[in-house]
C-alpha atoms as a PDB file:
ATOM      1  CA  MET A   1      -7.350 -31.474  72.432  1.00  0.00           C
ATOM      2  CA  ARG A   2      -3.674 -31.831  70.618  1.00  0.00           C
ATOM      3  CA  TRP A   3      -5.474 -35.149  68.996  1.00  0.00           C
ATOM      4  CA  ILE A   4      -8.119 -33.799  67.175  1.00  0.00           C
ATOM      5  CA  GLY A   5      -5.623 -30.753  65.729  1.00  0.00           C
ATOM      6  CA  ALA A   6      -3.990 -33.850  65.027  1.00  0.00           C
ATOM      7  CA  ILE A   7      -6.785 -36.087  63.173  1.00  0.00           C
ATOM      8  CA  ARG A   8      -7.504 -32.565  61.282  1.00  0.00           C
ATOM      9  CA  ILE A   9      -4.323 -32.539  59.801  1.00  0.00           C
ATOM     10  CA  LEU A  10      -3.922 -36.088  58.746  1.00  0.00           C
ATOM     11  CA  MET A  11      -7.501 -36.373  57.162  1.00  0.00           C
ATOM     12  CA  ILE A  12      -6.440 -33.097  54.509  1.00  0.00           C
ATOM     13  CA  LEU A  13      -2.844 -34.650  54.001  1.00  0.00           C
ATOM     14  CA  PHE A  14      -5.822 -37.407  53.040  1.00  0.00           C
ATOM     15  CA  THR A  15      -7.708 -35.594  50.832  1.00  0.00           C
ATOM     16  CA  LEU A  16      -5.170 -33.862  48.419  1.00  0.00           C
ATOM     17  CA  LEU A  17      -3.135 -37.146  48.574  1.00  0.00           C
ATOM     18  CA  THR A  18      -6.637 -38.655  47.282  1.00  0.00           C
ATOM     19  CA  THR A  19      -7.439 -35.899  44.993  1.00  0.00           C
ATOM     20  CA  TRP A  20      -3.455 -36.295  44.192  1.00  0.00           C
ATOM     21  CA  TYR A  21      -4.218 -39.121  42.986  1.00  0.00           C
ATOM     22  CA  PHE A  22      -7.258 -39.107  41.065  1.00  0.00           C
ATOM     23  CA  ALA A  23      -6.204 -36.101  39.026  1.00  0.00           C
ATOM     24  CA  GLU A  24      -3.151 -38.024  37.819  1.00  0.00           C
ATOM     25  CA  THR A  25      -5.118 -41.203  36.833  1.00  0.00           C
ATOM     26  CA  ILE A  26      -7.812 -39.384  34.982  1.00  0.00           C
ATOM     27  CA  PHE A  27      -5.035 -36.668  33.273  1.00  0.00           C
ATOM     28  CA  SER A  28      -2.986 -39.800  32.352  1.00  0.00           C
ATOM     29  CA  VAL A  29      -5.418 -41.517  30.787  1.00  0.00           C
ATOM     30  CA  LYS A  30      -6.575 -38.741  29.010  1.00  0.00           C
ATOM     31  CA  TRP A  31      -3.835 -37.204  27.388  1.00  0.00           C
ATOM     32  CA  GLU A  32      -2.155 -39.538  27.223  1.00  0.00           C
ATOM     33  CA  GLY A  33       0.807 -39.751  29.924  1.00  0.00           C
ATOM     34  CA  LYS A  34       1.940 -36.029  28.624  1.00  0.00           C
ATOM     35  CA  SER A  35       2.299 -33.339  30.619  1.00  0.00           C
ATOM     36  CA  LEU A  36       0.248 -29.654  31.004  1.00  0.00           C
ATOM     37  CA  ARG A  37       3.247 -28.026  29.904  1.00  0.00           C
ATOM     38  CA  SER A  38       3.674 -30.265  26.579  1.00  0.00           C
ATOM     39  CA  ILE A  39       0.161 -29.623  25.760  1.00  0.00           C
ATOM     40  CA  PHE A  40       0.820 -26.037  25.902  1.00  0.00           C
ATOM     41  CA  ASP A  41       3.645 -26.337  23.723  1.00  0.00           C
ATOM     42  CA  LYS A  42       1.836 -28.291  21.374  1.00  0.00           C
ATOM     43  CA  HIS A  43      -1.345 -26.154  21.300  1.00  0.00           C
ATOM     44  CA  THR A  44       1.671 -22.632  20.434  1.00  0.00           C
ATOM     45  CA  GLU A  45       3.704 -24.749  17.831  1.00  0.00           C
ATOM     46  CA  GLU A  46       0.016 -25.486  16.091  1.00  0.00           C
ATOM     47  CA  LYS A  47      -0.760 -21.873  16.782  1.00  0.00           C
ATOM     48  CA  PRO A  48      -0.803 -20.048  12.712  1.00  0.00           C
ATOM     49  CA  SER A  49       1.782 -17.465  12.353  1.00  0.00           C
ATOM     50  CA  LEU A  50       0.242 -14.131  12.074  1.00  0.00           C
ATOM     51  CA  LYS A  51       3.543 -12.423  10.779  1.00  0.00           C
ATOM     52  CA  LYS A  52       2.324 -10.555   7.352  1.00  0.00           C
ATOM     53  CA  THR A  53       4.654 -11.970   4.173  1.00  0.00           C
ATOM     54  CA  HIS A  54       6.278  -9.328   2.526  1.00  0.00           C
ATOM     55  CA  THR A  55       4.882  -7.991  -0.890  1.00  0.00           C
ATOM     56  CA  LYS A  56       6.003  -5.601  -3.245  1.00  0.00           C
ATOM     57  CA  CYS A  57       5.339  -1.995  -2.273  1.00  0.00           C
ATOM     58  CA  GLY A  58       3.965  -3.007   0.878  1.00  0.00           C
ATOM     59  CA  ASN A  59       0.623  -4.246  -1.379  1.00  0.00           C
ATOM     60  CA  GLU A  60      -1.944  -6.525  -0.633  1.00  0.00           C
ATOM     61  CA  LYS A  61      -1.244  -9.335  -2.703  1.00  0.00           C
ATOM     62  CA  ASP A  62       1.362 -10.134  -4.628  1.00  0.00           C
ATOM     63  CA  CYS A  63       1.275 -10.107  -8.500  1.00  0.00           C
ATOM     64  CA  PRO A  64       2.039 -12.788 -10.583  1.00  0.00           C
ATOM     65  CA  ASP A  65       4.740 -13.501 -12.728  1.00  0.00           C
ATOM     66  CA  ASN A  66       5.579 -10.885 -16.158  1.00  0.00           C
ATOM     67  CA  TYR A  67       3.588  -8.174 -13.734  1.00  0.00           C
ATOM     68  CA  TYR A  68       4.556  -5.256 -12.494  1.00  0.00           C
ATOM     69  CA  ALA A  69       3.827  -4.091  -8.645  1.00  0.00           C
ATOM     70  CA  PHE A  70       3.456  -0.787  -8.278  1.00  0.00           C
ATOM     71  CA  LYS A  71       1.760   1.715  -4.871  1.00  0.00           C
ATOM     72  CA  ILE A  72       0.937   5.690  -5.948  1.00  0.00           C
ATOM     73  CA  ILE A  73      -0.027   7.613  -3.471  1.00  0.00           C
ATOM     74  CA  SER A  74      -0.987  11.204  -3.463  1.00  0.00           C
ATOM     75  CA  GLY A  75       0.068  14.206  -1.568  1.00  0.00           C
ATOM     76  CA  ALA A  76      -1.618  15.342   1.368  1.00  0.00           C
ATOM     77  CA  ALA A  77      -3.549  18.441   0.583  1.00  0.00           C
ATOM     78  CA  ASN A  78      -0.106  20.875   0.777  1.00  0.00           C
ATOM     79  CA  VAL A  79       1.652  19.337   3.582  1.00  0.00           C
ATOM     80  CA  VAL A  80       2.524  16.142   3.130  1.00  0.00           C
ATOM     81  CA  GLY A  81       4.505  15.157  -0.570  1.00  0.00           C
ATOM     82  CA  PRO A  82       3.426  12.656  -2.813  1.00  0.00           C
ATOM     83  CA  THR A  83       5.009   8.634  -3.661  1.00  0.00           C
ATOM     84  CA  ILE A  84       5.417   6.841  -6.055  1.00  0.00           C
ATOM     85  CA  CYS A  85       6.531   2.898  -5.257  1.00  0.00           C
ATOM     86  CA  PHE A  86       7.775   0.394  -8.230  1.00  0.00           C
ATOM     87  CA  GLU A  87       8.524  -2.788  -7.939  1.00  0.00           C
ATOM     88  CA  ASP A  88       9.046  -2.402  -4.249  1.00  0.00           C
ATOM     89  CA  LYS A  89      11.784   0.287  -5.447  1.00  0.00           C
ATOM     90  CA  ILE A  90      10.848   3.920  -4.116  1.00  0.00           C
ATOM     91  CA  LEU A  91      10.647   6.637  -7.630  1.00  0.00           C
ATOM     92  CA  MET A  92       9.681   9.476  -5.634  1.00  0.00           C
ATOM     93  CA  SER A  93       9.132  10.789  -1.986  1.00  0.00           C
ATOM     94  CA  SER A  94       9.499  13.532   0.369  1.00  0.00           C
ATOM     95  CA  VAL A  95      12.611  11.475   1.439  1.00  0.00           C
ATOM     96  CA  LYS A  96      14.647  10.665  -1.927  1.00  0.00           C
ATOM     97  CA  ASN A  97      13.552  14.951  -2.738  1.00  0.00           C
ATOM     98  CA  ASN A  98      12.337  14.686  -5.528  1.00  0.00           C
ATOM     99  CA  ILE A  99       8.772  15.641  -5.643  1.00  0.00           C
ATOM    100  CA  GLY A 100       7.250  18.804  -5.387  1.00  0.00           C
ATOM    101  CA  ARG A 101       3.719  20.789  -5.845  1.00  0.00           C
ATOM    102  CA  GLY A 102       2.041  19.925  -8.676  1.00  0.00           C
ATOM    103  CA  LEU A 103       1.974  17.419 -10.905  1.00  0.00           C
ATOM    104  CA  ASN A 104       4.487  14.218 -10.494  1.00  0.00           C
ATOM    105  CA  MET A 105       5.767  11.778 -12.602  1.00  0.00           C
ATOM    106  CA  ALA A 106       7.682   8.387 -13.143  1.00  0.00           C
ATOM    107  CA  LEU A 107       8.374   7.447 -16.936  1.00  0.00           C
ATOM    108  CA  VAL A 108       9.536   3.808 -16.536  1.00  0.00           C
ATOM    109  CA  ASN A 109      10.345   1.439 -19.358  1.00  0.00           C
ATOM    110  CA  ALA A 110       7.710  -1.425 -19.682  1.00  0.00           C
ATOM    111  CA  SER A 111       9.039  -4.466 -21.159  1.00  0.00           C
ATOM    112  CA  THR A 112      12.862  -4.520 -18.890  1.00  0.00           C
ATOM    113  CA  GLY A 113      10.950  -2.149 -15.932  1.00  0.00           C
ATOM    114  CA  ILE A 114      13.790   0.265 -15.820  1.00  0.00           C
ATOM    115  CA  LEU A 115      13.004   3.921 -14.687  1.00  0.00           C
ATOM    116  CA  GLN A 116      14.390   6.750 -17.128  1.00  0.00           C
ATOM    117  CA  HIS A 117      12.540  10.057 -16.113  1.00  0.00           C
ATOM    118  CA  THR A 118      11.483  10.991 -13.040  1.00  0.00           C
ATOM    119  CA  GLY A 119      10.270  15.133 -12.866  1.00  0.00           C
ATOM    120  CA  HIS A 120       8.137  17.020 -10.608  1.00  0.00           C
ATOM    121  CA  TYR A 121       6.311  20.063 -12.020  1.00  0.00           C
ATOM    122  CA  ASP A 122       4.373  23.041 -10.800  1.00  0.00           C
ATOM    123  CA  MET A 123       1.149  23.544 -12.223  1.00  0.00           C
ATOM    124  CA  TYR A 124      -0.105  26.685 -10.700  1.00  0.00           C
ATOM    125  CA  SER A 125       2.696  29.418 -11.058  1.00  0.00           C
ATOM    126  CA  GLY A 126       4.909  27.072 -13.286  1.00  0.00           C
ATOM    127  CA  ASN A 127       5.226  26.608 -17.139  1.00  0.00           C
ATOM    128  CA  ILE A 128       3.519  24.146 -18.851  1.00  0.00           C
ATOM    129  CA  LYS A 129       5.825  23.849 -22.033  1.00  0.00           C
ATOM    130  CA  ASP A 130       8.022  21.697 -19.315  1.00  0.00           C
ATOM    131  CA  VAL A 131       5.772  19.444 -18.870  1.00  0.00           C
ATOM    132  CA  LYS A 132       5.112  18.973 -22.547  1.00  0.00           C
ATOM    133  CA  LYS A 133       9.575  18.912 -22.933  1.00  0.00           C
ATOM    134  CA  PHE A 134       9.392  15.999 -19.889  1.00  0.00           C
ATOM    135  CA  LEU A 135       6.569  13.952 -21.702  1.00  0.00           C
ATOM    136  CA  GLU A 136       8.447  13.899 -25.076  1.00  0.00           C
ATOM    137  CA  ASN A 137      10.607  11.428 -23.543  1.00  0.00           C
ATOM    138  CA  MET A 138       7.981   9.405 -24.134  1.00  0.00           C
ATOM    139  CA  VAL A 139       8.218   6.340 -26.585  1.00  0.00           C
ATOM    140  CA  ASP A 140       6.252   3.031 -27.570  1.00  0.00           C
ATOM    141  CA  GLY A 141       6.245   0.816 -24.359  1.00  0.00           C
ATOM    142  CA  THR A 142       6.423   3.946 -21.710  1.00  0.00           C
ATOM    143  CA  LEU A 143       4.891   3.599 -18.434  1.00  0.00           C
ATOM    144  CA  ILE A 144       3.983   6.637 -16.853  1.00  0.00           C
ATOM    145  CA  LEU A 145       2.720   7.388 -13.260  1.00  0.00           C
ATOM    146  CA  LEU A 146       1.474  10.436 -11.647  1.00  0.00           C
ATOM    147  CA  ALA A 147       0.711  11.526  -8.601  1.00  0.00           C
ATOM    148  CA  SER A 148      -0.917  15.179  -7.657  1.00  0.00           C
ATOM    149  CA  TYR A 149      -0.195  17.433  -5.342  1.00  0.00           C
ATOM    150  CA  ASP A 150      -1.304  20.296  -4.346  1.00  0.00           C
ATOM    151  CA  ASP A 151      -2.676  22.053  -7.327  1.00  0.00           C
ATOM    152  CA  PRO A 152      -2.094  19.848 -10.677  1.00  0.00           C
ATOM    153  CA  ALA A 153      -4.381  21.309 -12.760  1.00  0.00           C
ATOM    154  CA  THR A 154      -3.762  25.143 -13.223  1.00  0.00           C
ATOM    155  CA  LYS A 155      -1.624  25.836 -15.758  1.00  0.00           C
ATOM    156  CA  LEU A 156      -2.992  22.461 -18.511  1.00  0.00           C
ATOM    157  CA  ASP A 157      -3.830  23.419 -21.280  1.00  0.00           C
ATOM    158  CA  GLU A 158      -6.097  21.810 -24.138  1.00  0.00           C
ATOM    159  CA  GLU A 159      -2.560  19.965 -25.926  1.00  0.00           C
ATOM    160  CA  ALA A 160      -1.814  18.338 -22.243  1.00  0.00           C
ATOM    161  CA  ARG A 161      -4.371  17.391 -21.332  1.00  0.00           C
ATOM    162  CA  ASN A 162      -5.040  15.120 -24.785  1.00  0.00           C
ATOM    163  CA  LEU A 163      -1.300  13.884 -24.095  1.00  0.00           C
ATOM    164  CA  PHE A 164      -2.459  12.560 -20.897  1.00  0.00           C
ATOM    165  CA  SER A 165      -5.923  11.368 -22.240  1.00  0.00           C
ATOM    166  CA  SER A 166      -3.983   9.050 -25.235  1.00  0.00           C
ATOM    167  CA  TYR A 167      -1.931   7.468 -22.354  1.00  0.00           C
ATOM    168  CA  GLY A 168      -4.782   5.950 -21.698  1.00  0.00           C
ATOM    169  CA  SER A 169      -6.712   9.008 -18.567  1.00  0.00           C
ATOM    170  CA  SER A 170     -10.407   8.957 -17.899  1.00  0.00           C
ATOM    171  CA  TYR A 171     -10.144  12.121 -16.071  1.00  0.00           C
ATOM    172  CA  ALA A 172      -7.119  14.597 -17.535  1.00  0.00           C
ATOM    173  CA  LYS A 173      -9.655  16.561 -19.676  1.00  0.00           C
ATOM    174  CA  LYS A 174     -11.364  18.131 -16.391  1.00  0.00           C
ATOM    175  CA  LEU A 175      -9.297  18.117 -13.896  1.00  0.00           C
ATOM    176  CA  GLY A 176      -9.734  20.672 -11.586  1.00  0.00           C
ATOM    177  CA  PHE A 177      -8.063  22.980  -9.059  1.00  0.00           C
ATOM    178  CA  ARG A 178      -6.590  21.752  -5.925  1.00  0.00           C
ATOM    179  CA  ASP A 179      -8.387  18.179  -7.025  1.00  0.00           C
ATOM    180  CA  SER A 180      -6.551  14.828  -6.192  1.00  0.00           C
ATOM    181  CA  TRP A 181      -5.525  12.032  -9.177  1.00  0.00           C
ATOM    182  CA  THR A 182      -3.525   9.146  -9.535  1.00  0.00           C
ATOM    183  CA  PHE A 183      -2.756   7.878 -12.498  1.00  0.00           C
ATOM    184  CA  VAL A 184      -0.861   5.151 -14.488  1.00  0.00           C
ATOM    185  CA  GLY A 185      -0.753   4.826 -18.548  1.00  0.00           C
ATOM    186  CA  GLY A 186       1.392   4.486 -21.482  1.00  0.00           C
ATOM    187  CA  LYS A 187       2.539   5.784 -24.741  1.00  0.00           C
ATOM    188  CA  ALA A 188       0.307   4.234 -27.889  1.00  0.00           C
ATOM    189  CA  ILE A 189      -1.773   2.527 -24.941  1.00  0.00           C
ATOM    190  CA  LYS A 190      -5.320   1.405 -27.052  1.00  0.00           C
ATOM    191  CA  HIS A 191      -7.576   1.572 -24.146  1.00  0.00           C
ATOM    192  CA  LYS A 192      -8.513   3.927 -21.082  1.00  0.00           C
ATOM    193  CA  SER A 193      -6.604   2.612 -18.210  1.00  0.00           C
ATOM    194  CA  PRO A 194      -7.915   0.468 -15.471  1.00  0.00           C
ATOM    195  CA  PHE A 195      -5.674   2.369 -12.665  1.00  0.00           C
ATOM    196  CA  GLU A 196      -6.660   6.263 -12.241  1.00  0.00           C
ATOM    197  CA  GLN A 197      -7.982   7.437  -9.215  1.00  0.00           C
ATOM    198  CA  HIS A 198      -9.565  11.168  -9.090  1.00  0.00           C
ATOM    199  CA  ILE A 199     -11.301  13.412  -6.824  1.00  0.00           C
ATOM    200  CA  LYS A 200     -13.047  16.343  -6.462  1.00  0.00           C
ATOM    201  CA  ASN A 201     -11.702  20.127  -5.225  1.00  0.00           C
ATOM    202  CA  ASP A 202     -15.188  20.347  -3.380  1.00  0.00           C
ATOM    203  CA  LYS A 203     -15.125  22.230  -0.051  1.00  0.00           C
ATOM    204  CA  GLU A 204     -18.642  20.733   1.098  1.00  0.00           C
ATOM    205  CA  THR A 205     -16.849  16.768   1.222  1.00  0.00           C
ATOM    206  CA  ASN A 206     -12.921  17.977   1.149  1.00  0.00           C
ATOM    207  CA  LYS A 207     -11.495  16.296   3.641  1.00  0.00           C
ATOM    208  CA  TYR A 208      -8.493  18.608   4.052  1.00  0.00           C
ATOM    209  CA  ASP A 209     -10.075  22.101   4.363  1.00  0.00           C
ATOM    210  CA  GLY A 210      -9.635  23.917   0.536  1.00  0.00           C
ATOM    211  CA  TRP A 211      -8.126  20.087  -0.619  1.00  0.00           C
ATOM    212  CA  PRO A 212      -9.925  16.580  -0.687  1.00  0.00           C
ATOM    213  CA  GLU A 213      -8.566  13.644   0.127  1.00  0.00           C
ATOM    214  CA  VAL A 214      -5.382  11.472  -0.435  1.00  0.00           C
ATOM    215  CA  LEU A 215      -5.437   8.766  -3.141  1.00  0.00           C
ATOM    216  CA  GLU A 216      -4.431   5.249  -2.648  1.00  0.00           C
ATOM    217  CA  MET A 217      -3.943   3.242  -5.723  1.00  0.00           C
ATOM    218  CA  GLU A 218      -1.727  -0.232  -5.925  1.00  0.00           C
ATOM    219  CA  GLY A 219      -1.858  -3.100  -8.453  1.00  0.00           C
ATOM    220  CA  CYS A 220      -0.050  -4.999 -11.296  1.00  0.00           C
ATOM    221  CA  ILE A 221       0.863  -3.773 -14.335  1.00  0.00           C
ATOM    222  CA  PRO A 222       1.412  -6.262 -17.407  1.00  0.00           C
ATOM    223  CA  ARG A 223       5.195  -6.009 -18.260  1.00  0.00           C
ATOM    224  CA  LYS A 224       4.964  -5.307 -22.386  1.00  0.00           C
ATOM    225  CA  MET A 225       6.427  -8.645 -23.680  1.00  0.00           C
ATOM    226  CA  ASP A 226       8.488  -7.991 -27.241  1.00  0.00           C
END
């Protein structure tokens, strides 16, 4: 019966050779002589890159020429401090150790983009006179970038609120205890700023028990052209 086994082996070999022959013929015609590896390599090369290009401050979009990129993130409750980024440079953050409870503010020259001053002022137990003194550094053509942390409002008096309103704020006059607030304005601005966010402290909607959620604001500020 050995000859039967030999015939079976020959039939299997014949089937394999026939299959290989037709596969080689068909695929050679269909892919014009290209190997599976070469087709796979081409597919890999043509696959679009998913790598995200760098944008200033990590913003979603690049800013056009003669515009400044910024991103402001308010503090999270009384635990995580705020961050202010301008033109891909961190102006204020916990890492830089120049932030604190209350109002965190950076003043920037609107023509050159150069940082002039930074300051943080406790609006729960601090002195509002210190805030007003800081704001005296603002002259025409100065940008103010602001982020709240914990409580930005308890010590704010009418004069200070009016100052922020004159810089383009829509919410300064109604800012309350532990509200979240981010704002970009300017000295001698003619209209209300489009760069402002505000969330009221409300125990029914607060994300962090006694504090509302974090605010994150980004955008492009037009350069002041002399």
